[in-house]
Amino acid sequence: MKFLTVLFVILIILIQYPLWFSRGGWLNVFDLNNKYQNQKEINQELEKQNDALRAEVNDLKKGTDAIEERARDELEMIKEGEIFFEIINTEK
């Protein structure tokens, strides 16, 4: 009787091993789920950046306000007939 009990315990352990430690086992599923959640967060952040870039591209294609703003800020350009004043702060 003791032999059968030991045999059944060994068989149960052998049956449980693939469930926990094989390629499709629970531990692998938990690990893949964590990786999936991390990638999902990364994708959401990248989607936000893509949306902002899409909006900027649409604004540049359709309107001149964005182009004018970029020319003023990045290229320091002014309109014809405007007077540019630069205030230099000498205090430190």
N, C-alpha and C. Protein backbone atom coordinates (compact mmCIF):
# COMPACT_ATOMS: atom_id res chain seq x y z
N MET A 1 0.81 -1.19 0.00
CA MET A 1 0.00 0.00 0.00
C MET A 1 0.86 1.27 0.00
N LYS A 2 1.94 1.23 0.77
CA LYS A 2 2.83 2.37 0.83
C LYS A 2 3.50 2.59 -0.53
N PHE A 3 3.79 1.52 -1.22
CA PHE A 3 4.41 1.61 -2.53
C PHE A 3 3.48 2.33 -3.50
N LEU A 4 2.19 2.01 -3.49
CA LEU A 4 1.22 2.66 -4.38
C LEU A 4 1.10 4.15 -4.06
N THR A 5 1.12 4.50 -2.81
CA THR A 5 1.04 5.91 -2.42
C THR A 5 2.24 6.68 -2.96
N VAL A 6 3.42 6.13 -2.78
CA VAL A 6 4.64 6.77 -3.27
C VAL A 6 4.60 6.87 -4.80
N LEU A 7 4.15 5.81 -5.46
CA LEU A 7 4.05 5.79 -6.91
C LEU A 7 3.08 6.87 -7.41
N PHE A 8 1.93 6.99 -6.75
CA PHE A 8 0.95 8.00 -7.15
C PHE A 8 1.47 9.42 -6.91
N VAL A 9 2.17 9.63 -5.83
CA VAL A 9 2.75 10.94 -5.55
C VAL A 9 3.77 11.30 -6.63
N ILE A 10 4.61 10.33 -6.99
CA ILE A 10 5.60 10.57 -8.05
C ILE A 10 4.89 10.86 -9.37
N LEU A 11 3.85 10.13 -9.70
CA LEU A 11 3.10 10.36 -10.93
C LEU A 11 2.44 11.74 -10.94
N ILE A 12 1.89 12.14 -9.81
CA ILE A 12 1.27 13.46 -9.71
C ILE A 12 2.32 14.55 -9.91
N ILE A 13 3.50 14.37 -9.33
CA ILE A 13 4.58 15.35 -9.50
C ILE A 13 5.00 15.41 -10.96
N LEU A 14 5.12 14.26 -11.60
CA LEU A 14 5.50 14.24 -13.01
C LEU A 14 4.44 14.89 -13.90
N ILE A 15 3.19 14.74 -13.54
CA ILE A 15 2.12 15.38 -14.31
C ILE A 15 2.11 16.89 -14.08
N GLN A 16 2.41 17.33 -12.87
CA GLN A 16 2.39 18.74 -12.52
C GLN A 16 3.58 19.51 -13.07
N TYR A 17 4.71 18.84 -13.28
CA TYR A 17 5.93 19.52 -13.72
C TYR A 17 5.71 20.34 -15.00
N PRO A 18 5.15 19.76 -16.07
CA PRO A 18 4.95 20.57 -17.28
C PRO A 18 3.99 21.74 -17.07
N LEU A 19 3.02 21.57 -16.18
CA LEU A 19 2.06 22.63 -15.93
C LEU A 19 2.74 23.86 -15.34
N TRP A 20 3.77 23.67 -14.56
CA TRP A 20 4.43 24.79 -13.89
C TRP A 20 5.70 25.27 -14.60
N PHE A 21 6.48 24.35 -15.15
CA PHE A 21 7.82 24.72 -15.61
C PHE A 21 8.05 24.60 -17.10
N SER A 22 7.13 24.09 -17.87
CA SER A 22 7.37 23.94 -19.31
C SER A 22 7.16 25.26 -20.03
N ARG A 23 7.29 25.22 -21.36
CA ARG A 23 7.19 26.44 -22.17
C ARG A 23 5.82 27.10 -22.04
N GLY A 24 4.78 26.34 -21.90
CA GLY A 24 3.43 26.90 -21.75
C GLY A 24 2.93 26.85 -20.32
N GLY A 25 3.84 26.70 -19.37
CA GLY A 25 3.46 26.57 -17.97
C GLY A 25 3.07 27.89 -17.34
N TRP A 26 2.58 27.80 -16.12
CA TRP A 26 2.09 28.98 -15.40
C TRP A 26 3.16 30.03 -15.19
N LEU A 27 4.37 29.61 -14.85
CA LEU A 27 5.43 30.59 -14.61
C LEU A 27 5.75 31.36 -15.88
N ASN A 28 5.77 30.68 -17.00
CA ASN A 28 6.01 31.34 -18.28
C ASN A 28 4.86 32.27 -18.63
N VAL A 29 3.64 31.87 -18.32
CA VAL A 29 2.47 32.71 -18.59
C VAL A 29 2.54 33.99 -17.76
N PHE A 30 2.91 33.88 -16.50
CA PHE A 30 3.04 35.07 -15.66
C PHE A 30 4.11 36.01 -16.19
N ASP A 31 5.24 35.45 -16.60
CA ASP A 31 6.33 36.26 -17.15
C ASP A 31 5.89 36.96 -18.43
N LEU A 32 5.23 36.23 -19.32
CA LEU A 32 4.76 36.83 -20.57
C LEU A 32 3.70 37.90 -20.31
N ASN A 33 2.86 37.71 -19.31
CA ASN A 33 1.85 38.70 -18.97
C ASN A 33 2.50 40.00 -18.49
N ASN A 34 3.56 39.88 -17.68
CA ASN A 34 4.29 41.07 -17.23
C ASN A 34 4.93 41.80 -18.39
N LYS A 35 5.54 41.05 -19.31
CA LYS A 35 6.16 41.66 -20.48
C LYS A 35 5.10 42.35 -21.34
N TYR A 36 3.94 41.72 -21.46
CA TYR A 36 2.84 42.29 -22.25
C TYR A 36 2.38 43.62 -21.65
N GLN A 37 2.22 43.67 -20.34
CA GLN A 37 1.78 44.90 -19.68
C GLN A 37 2.81 46.02 -19.87
N ASN A 38 4.10 45.68 -19.74
CA ASN A 38 5.15 46.69 -19.94
C ASN A 38 5.14 47.22 -21.36
N GLN A 39 5.01 46.32 -22.33
CA GLN A 39 4.99 46.74 -23.73
C GLN A 39 3.75 47.57 -24.02
N LYS A 40 2.64 47.24 -23.39
CA LYS A 40 1.40 48.00 -23.58
C LYS A 40 1.58 49.45 -23.10
N GLU A 41 2.25 49.64 -21.96
CA GLU A 41 2.52 50.99 -21.45
C GLU A 41 3.44 51.75 -22.39
N ILE A 42 4.46 51.08 -22.90
CA ILE A 42 5.38 51.72 -23.85
C ILE A 42 4.63 52.14 -25.10
N ASN A 43 3.76 51.25 -25.59
CA ASN A 43 2.98 51.55 -26.80
C ASN A 43 2.04 52.73 -26.59
N GLN A 44 1.44 52.84 -25.41
CA GLN A 44 0.55 53.96 -25.12
C GLN A 44 1.32 55.28 -25.15
N GLU A 45 2.52 55.28 -24.57
CA GLU A 45 3.34 56.49 -24.57
C GLU A 45 3.73 56.87 -26.00
N LEU A 46 4.12 55.88 -26.79
CA LEU A 46 4.49 56.15 -28.18
C LEU A 46 3.28 56.61 -28.99
N GLU A 47 2.11 56.10 -28.67
CA GLU A 47 0.89 56.53 -29.37
C GLU A 47 0.59 58.00 -29.07
N LYS A 48 0.83 58.42 -27.82
CA LYS A 48 0.65 59.83 -27.47
C LYS A 48 1.60 60.71 -28.27
N GLN A 49 2.86 60.27 -28.38
CA GLN A 49 3.84 61.03 -29.14
C GLN A 49 3.44 61.09 -30.62
N ASN A 50 2.97 59.97 -31.15
CA ASN A 50 2.54 59.94 -32.55
C ASN A 50 1.35 60.87 -32.79
N ASP A 51 0.42 60.89 -31.84
CA ASP A 51 -0.74 61.78 -31.98
C ASP A 51 -0.30 63.25 -32.00
N ALA A 52 0.65 63.59 -31.14
CA ALA A 52 1.14 64.97 -31.10
C ALA A 52 1.84 65.33 -32.42
N LEU A 53 2.63 64.40 -32.93
CA LEU A 53 3.31 64.66 -34.20
C LEU A 53 2.31 64.75 -35.35
N ARG A 54 1.28 63.88 -35.33
CA ARG A 54 0.25 63.93 -36.36
C ARG A 54 -0.48 65.27 -36.35
N ALA A 55 -0.79 65.75 -35.15
CA ALA A 55 -1.47 67.04 -35.03
C ALA A 55 -0.58 68.17 -35.55
N GLU A 56 0.71 68.10 -35.24
CA GLU A 56 1.63 69.13 -35.71
C GLU A 56 1.75 69.10 -37.23
N VAL A 57 1.82 67.91 -37.80
CA VAL A 57 1.92 67.79 -39.26
C VAL A 57 0.66 68.33 -39.92
N ASN A 58 -0.51 67.98 -39.38
CA ASN A 58 -1.76 68.50 -39.94
C ASN A 58 -1.83 70.01 -39.84
N ASP A 59 -1.38 70.55 -38.72
CA ASP A 59 -1.39 72.00 -38.55
C ASP A 59 -0.45 72.67 -39.55
N LEU A 60 0.71 72.06 -39.78
CA LEU A 60 1.66 72.62 -40.74
C LEU A 60 1.12 72.54 -42.17
N LYS A 61 0.38 71.48 -42.46
CA LYS A 61 -0.18 71.33 -43.81
C LYS A 61 -1.33 72.29 -44.07
N LYS A 62 -2.17 72.51 -43.07
CA LYS A 62 -3.40 73.26 -43.28
C LYS A 62 -3.28 74.74 -42.97
N GLY A 63 -2.52 75.09 -41.97
CA GLY A 63 -2.52 76.49 -41.55
C GLY A 63 -1.15 77.11 -41.62
N THR A 64 -1.16 78.42 -41.64
CA THR A 64 0.12 79.14 -41.68
C THR A 64 0.53 79.60 -40.29
N ASP A 65 -0.36 79.50 -39.32
CA ASP A 65 -0.03 79.95 -37.96
C ASP A 65 1.13 79.14 -37.38
N ALA A 66 1.10 77.84 -37.58
CA ALA A 66 2.16 77.00 -37.02
C ALA A 66 3.49 77.29 -37.71
N ILE A 67 3.44 77.50 -39.00
CA ILE A 67 4.67 77.81 -39.73
C ILE A 67 5.24 79.14 -39.25
N GLU A 68 4.37 80.11 -39.07
CA GLU A 68 4.82 81.42 -38.60
C GLU A 68 5.41 81.31 -37.20
N GLU A 69 4.77 80.55 -36.34
CA GLU A 69 5.25 80.39 -34.97
C GLU A 69 6.63 79.73 -34.96
N ARG A 70 6.80 78.70 -35.77
CA ARG A 70 8.11 78.04 -35.84
C ARG A 70 9.18 78.97 -36.40
N ALA A 71 8.83 79.76 -37.40
CA ALA A 71 9.80 80.69 -37.98
C ALA A 71 10.22 81.73 -36.95
N ARG A 72 9.28 82.20 -36.14
CA ARG A 72 9.61 83.18 -35.12
C ARG A 72 10.46 82.58 -34.01
N ASP A 73 10.06 81.41 -33.50
CA ASP A 73 10.74 80.81 -32.35
C ASP A 73 12.08 80.19 -32.71
N GLU A 74 12.09 79.38 -33.74
CA GLU A 74 13.28 78.61 -34.04
C GLU A 74 14.26 79.35 -34.96
N LEU A 75 13.74 80.10 -35.90
CA LEU A 75 14.61 80.78 -36.85
C LEU A 75 14.78 82.27 -36.57
N GLU A 76 14.05 82.75 -35.57
CA GLU A 76 14.09 84.14 -35.13
C GLU A 76 13.82 85.10 -36.29
N MET A 77 12.79 84.78 -37.07
CA MET A 77 12.40 85.62 -38.20
C MET A 77 11.31 86.59 -37.76
N ILE A 78 11.17 87.69 -38.47
CA ILE A 78 10.11 88.65 -38.21
C ILE A 78 9.38 88.94 -39.52
N LYS A 79 8.16 89.47 -39.41
CA LYS A 79 7.38 89.82 -40.59
C LYS A 79 7.92 91.11 -41.20
N GLU A 80 7.59 91.29 -42.45
CA GLU A 80 7.97 92.52 -43.12
C GLU A 80 7.21 93.68 -42.48
N GLY A 81 7.92 94.73 -42.14
CA GLY A 81 7.30 95.90 -41.53
C GLY A 81 7.32 95.85 -40.01
N GLU A 82 7.70 94.74 -39.42
CA GLU A 82 7.77 94.66 -37.97
C GLU A 82 9.12 95.17 -37.49
N ILE A 83 9.14 95.60 -36.25
CA ILE A 83 10.39 96.05 -35.63
C ILE A 83 10.71 95.08 -34.51
N PHE A 84 11.92 94.60 -34.50
CA PHE A 84 12.34 93.60 -33.51
C PHE A 84 13.09 94.30 -32.39
N PHE A 85 12.66 94.05 -31.17
CA PHE A 85 13.33 94.58 -29.99
C PHE A 85 13.86 93.40 -29.18
N GLU A 86 15.12 93.44 -28.81
CA GLU A 86 15.70 92.40 -27.97
C GLU A 86 16.10 93.04 -26.67
N ILE A 87 15.61 92.50 -25.59
CA ILE A 87 15.92 93.02 -24.26
C ILE A 87 17.00 92.13 -23.67
N ILE A 88 18.12 92.76 -23.36
CA ILE A 88 19.26 92.01 -22.81
C ILE A 88 19.30 92.31 -21.33
N ASN A 89 19.28 91.27 -20.54
CA ASN A 89 19.32 91.39 -19.09
C ASN A 89 20.77 91.31 -18.65
N THR A 90 21.28 92.41 -18.10
CA THR A 90 22.69 92.45 -17.66
C THR A 90 22.84 92.06 -16.21
N GLU A 91 21.76 91.95 -15.48
CA GLU A 91 21.83 91.56 -14.07
C GLU A 91 21.97 90.06 -13.98
N LYS A 92 22.76 89.64 -13.02
CA LYS A 92 22.94 88.20 -12.83
C LYS A 92 22.52 87.78 -11.47
